[in-house]
Amino acid sequence: MCTLQAADEGLHQGTIEETTLGICVVKHRDATDRPEDIGIVLEGQVVLHDLDNVALAVAMLFGLMYALNLNYPPELKYCFEVLQKVVMELDGNTLSKKAQALKNRLHQ
């Protein structure tokens, strides 16, 4: 997830282009509670924006990954696995050893 200040337009594009997959939150410079924009980035392109909240953005990201048949980025494989299988309880019967160990620790 990338968090950007609303006034840094030049920085936005560079950061977005470097992002393979993620959620981008643009905040006001005065750091108000409500972000200016929440969007989803796939392969350096903003594919959805003006989402209401980060929870919706996470759900939409999973939906896009499923619909477009995208693999999890290798460096974030376990993060997405835990979100999908432990937090969202989707297909939670088949966990990797690392995800299963975390789930056991969380449920102690």
PDB file of N, CA and C in Angstrom:
ATOM      1  N   MET A   1       0.847  -1.164   0.000  1.00  0.00           N
ATOM      2  CA  MET A   1       0.000   0.000   0.000  1.00  0.00           C
ATOM      3  C   MET A   1       0.895   1.230   0.000  1.00  0.00           C
ATOM      4  N   CYS A   2       0.602   2.166  -0.869  1.00  0.00           N
ATOM      5  CA  CYS A   2       1.373   3.406  -0.880  1.00  0.00           C
ATOM      6  C   CYS A   2       0.484   4.538  -0.393  1.00  0.00           C
ATOM      7  N   THR A   3       1.070   5.421   0.390  1.00  0.00           N
ATOM      8  CA  THR A   3       0.373   6.598   0.889  1.00  0.00           C
ATOM      9  C   THR A   3       1.081   7.820   0.341  1.00  0.00           C
ATOM     10  N   LEU A   4       0.333   8.696  -0.323  1.00  0.00           N
ATOM     11  CA  LEU A   4       0.908   9.869  -0.969  1.00  0.00           C
ATOM     12  C   LEU A   4       0.245  11.133  -0.452  1.00  0.00           C
ATOM     13  N   GLN A   5       0.983  12.241  -0.467  1.00  0.00           N
ATOM     14  CA  GLN A   5       0.428  13.546  -0.126  1.00  0.00           C
ATOM     15  C   GLN A   5      -0.206  14.136  -1.380  1.00  0.00           C
ATOM     16  N   ALA A   6      -1.338  14.794  -1.230  1.00  0.00           N
ATOM     17  CA  ALA A   6      -2.098  15.311  -2.360  1.00  0.00           C
ATOM     18  C   ALA A   6      -1.318  16.317  -3.202  1.00  0.00           C
ATOM     19  N   ALA A   7      -0.415  17.078  -2.626  1.00  0.00           N
ATOM     20  CA  ALA A   7       0.288  18.141  -3.348  1.00  0.00           C
ATOM     21  C   ALA A   7       1.473  17.636  -4.172  1.00  0.00           C
ATOM     22  N   ASP A   8       1.909  16.424  -3.990  1.00  0.00           N
ATOM     23  CA  ASP A   8       3.105  15.901  -4.658  1.00  0.00           C
ATOM     24  C   ASP A   8       2.761  15.173  -5.952  1.00  0.00           C
ATOM     25  N   GLU A   9       2.190  15.873  -6.950  1.00  0.00           N
ATOM     26  CA  GLU A   9       1.731  15.240  -8.186  1.00  0.00           C
ATOM     27  C   GLU A   9       2.841  14.519  -8.939  1.00  0.00           C
ATOM     28  N   GLY A  10       4.030  15.108  -9.045  1.00  0.00           N
ATOM     29  CA  GLY A  10       5.132  14.467  -9.754  1.00  0.00           C
ATOM     30  C   GLY A  10       5.562  13.165  -9.096  1.00  0.00           C
ATOM     31  N   LEU A  11       5.570  13.163  -7.786  1.00  0.00           N
ATOM     32  CA  LEU A  11       5.940  11.971  -7.031  1.00  0.00           C
ATOM     33  C   LEU A  11       4.904  10.870  -7.181  1.00  0.00           C
ATOM     34  N   HIS A  12       3.636  11.250  -7.305  1.00  0.00           N
ATOM     35  CA  HIS A  12       2.560  10.264  -7.446  1.00  0.00           C
ATOM     36  C   HIS A  12       2.817   9.330  -8.607  1.00  0.00           C
ATOM     37  N   GLN A  13       3.025   9.900  -9.781  1.00  0.00           N
ATOM     38  CA  GLN A  13       3.154   9.098 -10.985  1.00  0.00           C
ATOM     39  C   GLN A  13       4.352   8.155 -10.894  1.00  0.00           C
ATOM     40  N   GLY A  14       5.466   8.628 -10.379  1.00  0.00           N
ATOM     41  CA  GLY A  14       6.643   7.776 -10.238  1.00  0.00           C
ATOM     42  C   GLY A  14       6.409   6.617  -9.289  1.00  0.00           C
ATOM     43  N   THR A  15       5.772   6.884  -8.173  1.00  0.00           N
ATOM     44  CA  THR A  15       5.477   5.842  -7.191  1.00  0.00           C
ATOM     45  C   THR A  15       4.490   4.843  -7.756  1.00  0.00           C
ATOM     46  N   ILE A  16       3.477   5.321  -8.431  1.00  0.00           N
ATOM     47  CA  ILE A  16       2.469   4.429  -9.019  1.00  0.00           C
ATOM     48  C   ILE A  16       3.096   3.552 -10.093  1.00  0.00           C
ATOM     49  N   GLU A  17       3.947   4.113 -10.926  1.00  0.00           N
ATOM     50  CA  GLU A  17       4.587   3.335 -11.992  1.00  0.00           C
ATOM     51  C   GLU A  17       5.483   2.236 -11.440  1.00  0.00           C
ATOM     52  N   GLU A  18       6.041   2.429 -10.248  1.00  0.00           N
ATOM     53  CA  GLU A  18       6.908   1.424  -9.635  1.00  0.00           C
ATOM     54  C   GLU A  18       6.128   0.323  -8.919  1.00  0.00           C
ATOM     55  N   THR A  19       4.826   0.514  -8.736  1.00  0.00           N
ATOM     56  CA  THR A  19       4.006  -0.422  -7.983  1.00  0.00           C
ATOM     57  C   THR A  19       3.473  -1.519  -8.901  1.00  0.00           C
ATOM     58  N   THR A  20       3.739  -2.766  -8.553  1.00  0.00           N
ATOM     59  CA  THR A  20       3.249  -3.889  -9.333  1.00  0.00           C
ATOM     60  C   THR A  20       1.781  -4.158  -9.032  1.00  0.00           C
ATOM     61  N   LEU A  21       1.459  -4.171  -7.749  1.00  0.00           N
ATOM     62  CA  LEU A  21       0.105  -4.473  -7.331  1.00  0.00           C
ATOM     63  C   LEU A  21      -0.107  -3.861  -5.968  1.00  0.00           C
ATOM     64  N   GLY A  22      -1.171  -3.100  -5.789  1.00  0.00           N
ATOM     65  CA  GLY A  22      -1.382  -2.521  -4.473  1.00  0.00           C
ATOM     66  C   GLY A  22      -2.527  -1.542  -4.399  1.00  0.00           C
ATOM     67  N   ILE A  23      -2.653  -0.971  -3.223  1.00  0.00           N
ATOM     68  CA  ILE A  23      -3.673   0.027  -2.923  1.00  0.00           C
ATOM     69  C   ILE A  23      -2.956   1.345  -2.671  1.00  0.00           C
ATOM     70  N   CYS A  24      -3.438   2.395  -3.286  1.00  0.00           N
ATOM     71  CA  CYS A  24      -2.815   3.707  -3.160  1.00  0.00           C
ATOM     72  C   CYS A  24      -3.788   4.652  -2.454  1.00  0.00           C
ATOM     73  N   VAL A  25      -3.304   5.278  -1.380  1.00  0.00           N
ATOM     74  CA  VAL A  25      -4.116   6.227  -0.612  1.00  0.00           C
ATOM     75  C   VAL A  25      -3.482   7.602  -0.745  1.00  0.00           C
ATOM     76  N   VAL A  26      -4.254   8.567  -1.251  1.00  0.00           N
ATOM     77  CA  VAL A  26      -3.782   9.945  -1.392  1.00  0.00           C
ATOM     78  C   VAL A  26      -4.430  10.748  -0.274  1.00  0.00           C
ATOM     79  N   LYS A  27      -3.581  11.354   0.563  1.00  0.00           N
ATOM     80  CA  LYS A  27      -4.081  12.123   1.705  1.00  0.00           C
ATOM     81  C   LYS A  27      -3.890  13.608   1.457  1.00  0.00           C
ATOM     82  N   HIS A  28      -4.732  14.413   2.103  1.00  0.00           N
ATOM     83  CA  HIS A  28      -4.585  15.862   2.064  1.00  0.00           C
ATOM     84  C   HIS A  28      -3.303  16.250   2.777  1.00  0.00           C
ATOM     85  N   ARG A  29      -2.736  17.356   2.391  1.00  0.00           N
ATOM     86  CA  ARG A  29      -1.514  17.828   3.030  1.00  0.00           C
ATOM     87  C   ARG A  29      -1.756  18.132   4.510  1.00  0.00           C
ATOM     88  N   ASP A  30      -2.952  18.595   4.859  1.00  0.00           N
ATOM     89  CA  ASP A  30      -3.239  18.919   6.261  1.00  0.00           C
ATOM     90  C   ASP A  30      -3.618  17.676   7.075  1.00  0.00           C
ATOM     91  N   ALA A  31      -3.546  16.499   6.462  1.00  0.00           N
ATOM     92  CA  ALA A  31      -3.738  15.211   7.137  1.00  0.00           C
ATOM     93  C   ALA A  31      -5.093  15.096   7.825  1.00  0.00           C
ATOM     94  N   THR A  32      -6.146  15.438   7.096  1.00  0.00           N
ATOM     95  CA  THR A  32      -7.478  15.235   7.632  1.00  0.00           C
ATOM     96  C   THR A  32      -7.770  13.743   7.727  1.00  0.00           C
ATOM     97  N   ASP A  33      -8.828  13.415   8.439  1.00  0.00           N
ATOM     98  CA  ASP A  33      -9.156  12.011   8.649  1.00  0.00           C
ATOM     99  C   ASP A  33      -9.494  11.283   7.351  1.00  0.00           C
ATOM    100  N   ARG A  34     -10.221  11.912   6.479  1.00  0.00           N
ATOM    101  CA  ARG A  34     -10.676  11.260   5.244  1.00  0.00           C
ATOM    102  C   ARG A  34      -9.662  11.483   4.118  1.00  0.00           C
ATOM    103  N   PRO A  35      -9.192  10.390   3.490  1.00  0.00           N
ATOM    104  CA  PRO A  35      -8.259  10.550   2.370  1.00  0.00           C
ATOM    105  C   PRO A  35      -8.934  11.199   1.162  1.00  0.00           C
ATOM    106  N   GLU A  36      -8.129  11.847   0.344  1.00  0.00           N
ATOM    107  CA  GLU A  36      -8.651  12.473  -0.866  1.00  0.00           C
ATOM    108  C   GLU A  36      -9.048  11.419  -1.897  1.00  0.00           C
ATOM    109  N   ASP A  37      -8.264  10.351  -1.992  1.00  0.00           N
ATOM    110  CA  ASP A  37      -8.537   9.313  -2.980  1.00  0.00           C
ATOM    111  C   ASP A  37      -7.967   7.989  -2.491  1.00  0.00           C
ATOM    112  N   ILE A  38      -8.668   6.912  -2.781  1.00  0.00           N
ATOM    113  CA  ILE A  38      -8.196   5.554  -2.530  1.00  0.00           C
ATOM    114  C   ILE A  38      -8.370   4.802  -3.835  1.00  0.00           C
ATOM    115  N   GLY A  39      -7.310   4.169  -4.313  1.00  0.00           N
ATOM    116  CA  GLY A  39      -7.379   3.473  -5.594  1.00  0.00           C
ATOM    117  C   GLY A  39      -6.591   2.184  -5.597  1.00  0.00           C
ATOM    118  N   ILE A  40      -6.734   1.445  -6.686  1.00  0.00           N
ATOM    119  CA  ILE A  40      -6.032   0.175  -6.872  1.00  0.00           C
ATOM    120  C   ILE A  40      -5.089   0.322  -8.042  1.00  0.00           C
ATOM    121  N   VAL A  41      -3.852  -0.142  -7.854  1.00  0.00           N
ATOM    122  CA  VAL A  41      -2.820  -0.077  -8.876  1.00  0.00           C
ATOM    123  C   VAL A  41      -2.461  -1.495  -9.298  1.00  0.00           C
ATOM    124  N   LEU A  42      -2.489  -1.745 -10.608  1.00  0.00           N
ATOM    125  CA  LEU A  42      -2.038  -3.010 -11.176  1.00  0.00           C
ATOM    126  C   LEU A  42      -1.005  -2.713 -12.252  1.00  0.00           C
ATOM    127  N   GLU A  43       0.170  -3.265 -12.086  1.00  0.00           N
ATOM    128  CA  GLU A  43       1.259  -3.110 -13.050  1.00  0.00           C
ATOM    129  C   GLU A  43       1.496  -1.658 -13.458  1.00  0.00           C
ATOM    130  N   GLY A  44       1.561  -0.775 -12.464  1.00  0.00           N
ATOM    131  CA  GLY A  44       1.900   0.615 -12.693  1.00  0.00           C
ATOM    132  C   GLY A  44       0.776   1.492 -13.203  1.00  0.00           C
ATOM    133  N   GLN A  45      -0.451   0.982 -13.249  1.00  0.00           N
ATOM    134  CA  GLN A  45      -1.593   1.746 -13.735  1.00  0.00           C
ATOM    135  C   GLN A  45      -2.691   1.757 -12.680  1.00  0.00           C
ATOM    136  N   VAL A  46      -3.289   2.915 -12.458  1.00  0.00           N
ATOM    137  CA  VAL A  46      -4.435   2.997 -11.555  1.00  0.00           C
ATOM    138  C   VAL A  46      -5.638   2.454 -12.320  1.00  0.00           C
ATOM    139  N   VAL A  47      -6.202   1.344 -11.836  1.00  0.00           N
ATOM    140  CA  VAL A  47      -7.325   0.717 -12.535  1.00  0.00           C
ATOM    141  C   VAL A  47      -8.665   1.056 -11.887  1.00  0.00           C
ATOM    142  N   LEU A  48      -8.672   1.387 -10.606  1.00  0.00           N
ATOM    143  CA  LEU A  48      -9.872   1.850  -9.906  1.00  0.00           C
ATOM    144  C   LEU A  48      -9.462   2.993  -8.993  1.00  0.00           C
ATOM    145  N   HIS A  49     -10.316   3.993  -8.854  1.00  0.00           N
ATOM    146  CA  HIS A  49     -10.028   5.090  -7.932  1.00  0.00           C
ATOM    147  C   HIS A  49     -11.337   5.603  -7.353  1.00  0.00           C
ATOM    148  N   ASP A  50     -11.244   6.543  -6.449  1.00  0.00           N
ATOM    149  CA  ASP A  50     -12.395   7.111  -5.740  1.00  0.00           C
ATOM    150  C   ASP A  50     -13.191   6.059  -4.970  1.00  0.00           C
ATOM    151  N   LEU A  51     -12.484   5.082  -4.400  1.00  0.00           N
ATOM    152  CA  LEU A  51     -13.144   4.082  -3.566  1.00  0.00           C
ATOM    153  C   LEU A  51     -13.414   4.685  -2.196  1.00  0.00           C
ATOM    154  N   ASP A  52     -14.428   4.191  -1.509  1.00  0.00           N
ATOM    155  CA  ASP A  52     -14.865   4.789  -0.242  1.00  0.00           C
ATOM    156  C   ASP A  52     -13.902   4.566   0.914  1.00  0.00           C
ATOM    157  N   ASN A  53     -13.295   3.370   0.988  1.00  0.00           N
ATOM    158  CA  ASN A  53     -12.419   3.071   2.115  1.00  0.00           C
ATOM    159  C   ASN A  53     -11.432   1.967   1.738  1.00  0.00           C
ATOM    160  N   VAL A  54     -10.464   1.748   2.604  1.00  0.00           N
ATOM    161  CA  VAL A  54      -9.410   0.773   2.327  1.00  0.00           C
ATOM    162  C   VAL A  54      -9.957  -0.649   2.345  1.00  0.00           C
ATOM    163  N   ALA A  55     -10.916  -0.936   3.212  1.00  0.00           N
ATOM    164  CA  ALA A  55     -11.502  -2.279   3.259  1.00  0.00           C
ATOM    165  C   ALA A  55     -12.152  -2.634   1.920  1.00  0.00           C
ATOM    166  N   LEU A  56     -12.873  -1.692   1.341  1.00  0.00           N
ATOM    167  CA  LEU A  56     -13.470  -1.911   0.027  1.00  0.00           C
ATOM    168  C   LEU A  56     -12.388  -2.103  -1.026  1.00  0.00           C
ATOM    169  N   ALA A  57     -11.317  -1.324  -0.928  1.00  0.00           N
ATOM    170  CA  ALA A  57     -10.215  -1.447  -1.880  1.00  0.00           C
ATOM    171  C   ALA A  57      -9.572  -2.832  -1.800  1.00  0.00           C
ATOM    172  N   VAL A  58      -9.401  -3.374  -0.598  1.00  0.00           N
ATOM    173  CA  VAL A  58      -8.830  -4.718  -0.442  1.00  0.00           C
ATOM    174  C   VAL A  58      -9.747  -5.749  -1.084  1.00  0.00           C
ATOM    175  N   ALA A  59     -11.045  -5.655  -0.833  1.00  0.00           N
ATOM    176  CA  ALA A  59     -11.995  -6.596  -1.428  1.00  0.00           C
ATOM    177  C   ALA A  59     -11.990  -6.489  -2.951  1.00  0.00           C
ATOM    178  N   MET A  60     -11.950  -5.266  -3.469  1.00  0.00           N
ATOM    179  CA  MET A  60     -11.919  -5.069  -4.923  1.00  0.00           C
ATOM    180  C   MET A  60     -10.614  -5.594  -5.523  1.00  0.00           C
ATOM    181  N   LEU A  61      -9.508  -5.422  -4.800  1.00  0.00           N
ATOM    182  CA  LEU A  61      -8.224  -5.938  -5.266  1.00  0.00           C
ATOM    183  C   LEU A  61      -8.272  -7.450  -5.399  1.00  0.00           C
ATOM    184  N   PHE A  62      -8.814  -8.127  -4.395  1.00  0.00           N
ATOM    185  CA  PHE A  62      -8.947  -9.583  -4.482  1.00  0.00           C
ATOM    186  C   PHE A  62      -9.864  -9.982  -5.636  1.00  0.00           C
ATOM    187  N   GLY A  63     -10.941  -9.244  -5.833  1.00  0.00           N
ATOM    188  CA  GLY A  63     -11.851  -9.526  -6.938  1.00  0.00           C
ATOM    189  C   GLY A  63     -11.176  -9.362  -8.291  1.00  0.00           C
ATOM    190  N   LEU A  64     -10.396  -8.303  -8.437  1.00  0.00           N
ATOM    191  CA  LEU A  64      -9.666  -8.093  -9.695  1.00  0.00           C
ATOM    192  C   LEU A  64      -8.630  -9.186  -9.926  1.00  0.00           C
ATOM    193  N   MET A  65      -7.933  -9.556  -8.858  1.00  0.00           N
ATOM    194  CA  MET A  65      -6.920 -10.606  -9.006  1.00  0.00           C
ATOM    195  C   MET A  65      -7.568 -11.926  -9.424  1.00  0.00           C
ATOM    196  N   TYR A  66      -8.746 -12.211  -8.885  1.00  0.00           N
ATOM    197  CA  TYR A  66      -9.455 -13.434  -9.243  1.00  0.00           C
ATOM    198  C   TYR A  66      -9.975 -13.347 -10.679  1.00  0.00           C
ATOM    199  N   ALA A  67     -10.632 -12.230 -11.026  1.00  0.00           N
ATOM    200  CA  ALA A  67     -11.228 -12.074 -12.350  1.00  0.00           C
ATOM    201  C   ALA A  67     -10.178 -12.052 -13.462  1.00  0.00           C
ATOM    202  N   LEU A  68      -9.042 -11.444 -13.177  1.00  0.00           N
ATOM    203  CA  LEU A  68      -7.978 -11.346 -14.187  1.00  0.00           C
ATOM    204  C   LEU A  68      -6.989 -12.504 -14.104  1.00  0.00           C
ATOM    205  N   ASN A  69      -7.215 -13.432 -13.164  1.00  0.00           N
ATOM    206  CA  ASN A  69      -6.373 -14.613 -12.979  1.00  0.00           C
ATOM    207  C   ASN A  69      -4.907 -14.224 -12.750  1.00  0.00           C
ATOM    208  N   LEU A  70      -4.691 -13.261 -11.848  1.00  0.00           N
ATOM    209  CA  LEU A  70      -3.345 -12.793 -11.535  1.00  0.00           C
ATOM    210  C   LEU A  70      -2.762 -13.601 -10.371  1.00  0.00           C
ATOM    211  N   ASN A  71      -1.469 -13.850 -10.433  1.00  0.00           N
ATOM    212  CA  ASN A  71      -0.773 -14.489  -9.315  1.00  0.00           C
ATOM    213  C   ASN A  71      -0.361 -13.428  -8.314  1.00  0.00           C
ATOM    214  N   TYR A  72      -0.218 -13.841  -7.058  1.00  0.00           N
ATOM    215  CA  TYR A  72       0.296 -12.931  -6.048  1.00  0.00           C
ATOM    216  C   TYR A  72       1.751 -12.620  -6.373  1.00  0.00           C
ATOM    217  N   PRO A  73       2.189 -11.377  -6.153  1.00  0.00           N
ATOM    218  CA  PRO A  73       3.620 -11.076  -6.333  1.00  0.00           C
ATOM    219  C   PRO A  73       4.433 -11.944  -5.374  1.00  0.00           C
ATOM    220  N   PRO A  74       5.548 -12.513  -5.828  1.00  0.00           N
ATOM    221  CA  PRO A  74       6.322 -13.431  -4.979  1.00  0.00           C
ATOM    222  C   PRO A  74       6.721 -12.838  -3.631  1.00  0.00           C
ATOM    223  N   GLU A  75       7.066 -11.550  -3.592  1.00  0.00           N
ATOM    224  CA  GLU A  75       7.499 -10.948  -2.335  1.00  0.00           C
ATOM    225  C   GLU A  75       6.336 -10.704  -1.373  1.00  0.00           C
ATOM    226  N   LEU A  76       5.090 -10.772  -1.854  1.00  0.00           N
ATOM    227  CA  LEU A  76       3.909 -10.564  -1.009  1.00  0.00           C
ATOM    228  C   LEU A  76       3.022 -11.808  -0.922  1.00  0.00           C
ATOM    229  N   LYS A  77       3.554 -12.935  -1.357  1.00  0.00           N
ATOM    230  CA  LYS A  77       2.779 -14.165  -1.435  1.00  0.00           C
ATOM    231  C   LYS A  77       2.131 -14.539  -0.104  1.00  0.00           C
ATOM    232  N   TYR A  78       2.895 -14.490   0.972  1.00  0.00           N
ATOM    233  CA  TYR A  78       2.375 -14.905   2.274  1.00  0.00           C
ATOM    234  C   TYR A  78       1.399 -13.876   2.851  1.00  0.00           C
ATOM    235  N   CYS A  79       1.629 -12.601   2.589  1.00  0.00           N
ATOM    236  CA  CYS A  79       0.684 -11.566   3.048  1.00  0.00           C
ATOM    237  C   CYS A  79      -0.685 -11.785   2.431  1.00  0.00           C
ATOM    238  N   PHE A  80      -0.721 -11.992   1.116  1.00  0.00           N
ATOM    239  CA  PHE A  80      -1.995 -12.203   0.449  1.00  0.00           C
ATOM    240  C   PHE A  80      -2.628 -13.533   0.857  1.00  0.00           C
ATOM    241  N   GLU A  81      -1.810 -14.553   1.071  1.00  0.00           N
ATOM    242  CA  GLU A  81      -2.351 -15.834   1.505  1.00  0.00           C
ATOM    243  C   GLU A  81      -3.033 -15.708   2.868  1.00  0.00           C
ATOM    244  N   VAL A  82      -2.389 -15.009   3.803  1.00  0.00           N
ATOM    245  CA  VAL A  82      -2.981 -14.830   5.131  1.00  0.00           C
ATOM    246  C   VAL A  82      -4.262 -13.997   5.036  1.00  0.00           C
ATOM    247  N   LEU A  83      -4.242 -12.934   4.252  1.00  0.00           N
ATOM    248  CA  LEU A  83      -5.460 -12.132   4.081  1.00  0.00           C
ATOM    249  C   LEU A  83      -6.607 -12.969   3.518  1.00  0.00           C
ATOM    250  N   GLN A  84      -6.309 -13.741   2.481  1.00  0.00           N
ATOM    251  CA  GLN A  84      -7.345 -14.527   1.820  1.00  0.00           C
ATOM    252  C   GLN A  84      -7.834 -15.677   2.691  1.00  0.00           C
ATOM    253  N   LYS A  85      -6.913 -16.447   3.217  1.00  0.00           N
ATOM    254  CA  LYS A  85      -7.291 -17.712   3.846  1.00  0.00           C
ATOM    255  C   LYS A  85      -7.529 -17.627   5.345  1.00  0.00           C
ATOM    256  N   VAL A  86      -6.882 -16.692   6.033  1.00  0.00           N
ATOM    257  CA  VAL A  86      -7.056 -16.586   7.481  1.00  0.00           C
ATOM    258  C   VAL A  86      -8.039 -15.474   7.822  1.00  0.00           C
ATOM    259  N   VAL A  87      -7.813 -14.279   7.282  1.00  0.00           N
ATOM    260  CA  VAL A  87      -8.671 -13.143   7.621  1.00  0.00           C
ATOM    261  C   VAL A  87     -10.034 -13.261   6.946  1.00  0.00           C
ATOM    262  N   MET A  88     -10.043 -13.483   5.628  1.00  0.00           N
ATOM    263  CA  MET A  88     -11.307 -13.548   4.895  1.00  0.00           C
ATOM    264  C   MET A  88     -11.938 -14.945   4.923  1.00  0.00           C
ATOM    265  N   GLU A  89     -11.196 -15.928   5.409  1.00  0.00           N
ATOM    266  CA  GLU A  89     -11.654 -17.317   5.537  1.00  0.00           C
ATOM    267  C   GLU A  89     -12.138 -17.900   4.223  1.00  0.00           C
ATOM    268  N   LEU A  90     -11.402 -17.635   3.138  1.00  0.00           N
ATOM    269  CA  LEU A  90     -11.697 -18.213   1.835  1.00  0.00           C
ATOM    270  C   LEU A  90     -10.687 -19.324   1.559  1.00  0.00           C
ATOM    271  N   ASP A  91     -11.149 -20.542   1.382  1.00  0.00           N
ATOM    272  CA  ASP A  91     -10.284 -21.684   1.106  1.00  0.00           C
ATOM    273  C   ASP A  91      -9.217 -21.840   2.183  1.00  0.00           C
ATOM    274  N   GLY A  92      -9.639 -21.779   3.441  1.00  0.00           N
ATOM    275  CA  GLY A  92      -8.713 -21.824   4.562  1.00  0.00           C
ATOM    276  C   GLY A  92      -8.204 -23.199   4.915  1.00  0.00           C
ATOM    277  N   ASN A  93      -8.607 -24.231   4.186  1.00  0.00           N
ATOM    278  CA  ASN A  93      -8.185 -25.596   4.507  1.00  0.00           C
ATOM    279  C   ASN A  93      -6.785 -25.905   4.008  1.00  0.00           C
ATOM    280  N   THR A  94      -6.320 -25.196   3.004  1.00  0.00           N
ATOM    281  CA  THR A  94      -4.999 -25.469   2.439  1.00  0.00           C
ATOM    282  C   THR A  94      -4.084 -24.277   2.683  1.00  0.00           C
ATOM    283  N   LEU A  95      -3.332 -24.329   3.760  1.00  0.00           N
ATOM    284  CA  LEU A  95      -2.420 -23.247   4.126  1.00  0.00           C
ATOM    285  C   LEU A  95      -0.974 -23.701   3.992  1.00  0.00           C
ATOM    286  N   SER A  96      -0.102 -22.760   3.648  1.00  0.00           N
ATOM    287  CA  SER A  96       1.321 -23.047   3.686  1.00  0.00           C
ATOM    288  C   SER A  96       1.749 -23.191   5.147  1.00  0.00           C
ATOM    289  N   LYS A  97       2.925 -23.728   5.368  1.00  0.00           N
ATOM    290  CA  LYS A  97       3.406 -23.921   6.749  1.00  0.00           C
ATOM    291  C   LYS A  97       3.507 -22.595   7.494  1.00  0.00           C
ATOM    292  N   LYS A  98       3.989 -21.550   6.811  1.00  0.00           N
ATOM    293  CA  LYS A  98       4.127 -20.235   7.455  1.00  0.00           C
ATOM    294  C   LYS A  98       2.763 -19.654   7.822  1.00  0.00           C
ATOM    295  N   ALA A  99       1.804 -19.753   6.921  1.00  0.00           N
ATOM    296  CA  ALA A  99       0.470 -19.222   7.198  1.00  0.00           C
ATOM    297  C   ALA A  99      -0.212 -20.034   8.298  1.00  0.00           C
ATOM    298  N   GLN A 100      -0.020 -21.348   8.300  1.00  0.00           N
ATOM    299  CA  GLN A 100      -0.619 -22.187   9.334  1.00  0.00           C
ATOM    300  C   GLN A 100      -0.032 -21.859  10.705  1.00  0.00           C
ATOM    301  N   ALA A 101       1.281 -21.616  10.773  1.00  0.00           N
ATOM    302  CA  ALA A 101       1.916 -21.261  12.036  1.00  0.00           C
ATOM    303  C   ALA A 101       1.363 -19.930  12.558  1.00  0.00           C
ATOM    304  N   LEU A 102       1.170 -18.959  11.682  1.00  0.00           N
ATOM    305  CA  LEU A 102       0.598 -17.668  12.097  1.00  0.00           C
ATOM    306  C   LEU A 102      -0.845 -17.849  12.578  1.00  0.00           C
ATOM    307  N   LYS A 103      -1.612 -18.639  11.854  1.00  0.00           N
ATOM    308  CA  LYS A 103      -3.004 -18.871  12.241  1.00  0.00           C
ATOM    309  C   LYS A 103      -3.069 -19.530  13.611  1.00  0.00           C
ATOM    310  N   ASN A 104      -2.190 -20.489  13.867  1.00  0.00           N
ATOM    311  CA  ASN A 104      -2.158 -21.152  15.184  1.00  0.00           C
ATOM    312  C   ASN A 104      -1.817 -20.156  16.284  1.00  0.00           C
ATOM    313  N   ARG A 105      -0.874 -19.271  16.031  1.00  0.00           N
ATOM    314  CA  ARG A 105      -0.500 -18.261  17.022  1.00  0.00           C
ATOM    315  C   ARG A 105      -1.636 -17.285  17.284  1.00  0.00           C
ATOM    316  N   LEU A 106      -2.357 -16.906  16.244  1.00  0.00           N
ATOM    317  CA  LEU A 106      -3.460 -15.959  16.393  1.00  0.00           C
ATOM    318  C   LEU A 106      -4.623 -16.556  17.174  1.00  0.00           C
ATOM    319  N   HIS A 107      -4.822 -17.865  17.064  1.00  0.00           N
ATOM    320  CA  HIS A 107      -5.966 -18.519  17.713  1.00  0.00           C
ATOM    321  C   HIS A 107      -5.620 -19.136  19.058  1.00  0.00           C
ATOM    322  N   GLN A 108      -4.469 -18.827  19.612  1.00  0.00           N
ATOM    323  CA  GLN A 108      -4.089 -19.364  20.928  1.00  0.00           C
ATOM    324  C   GLN A 108      -4.798 -18.609  22.027  1.00  0.00           C
TER     325      GLN A 108
END
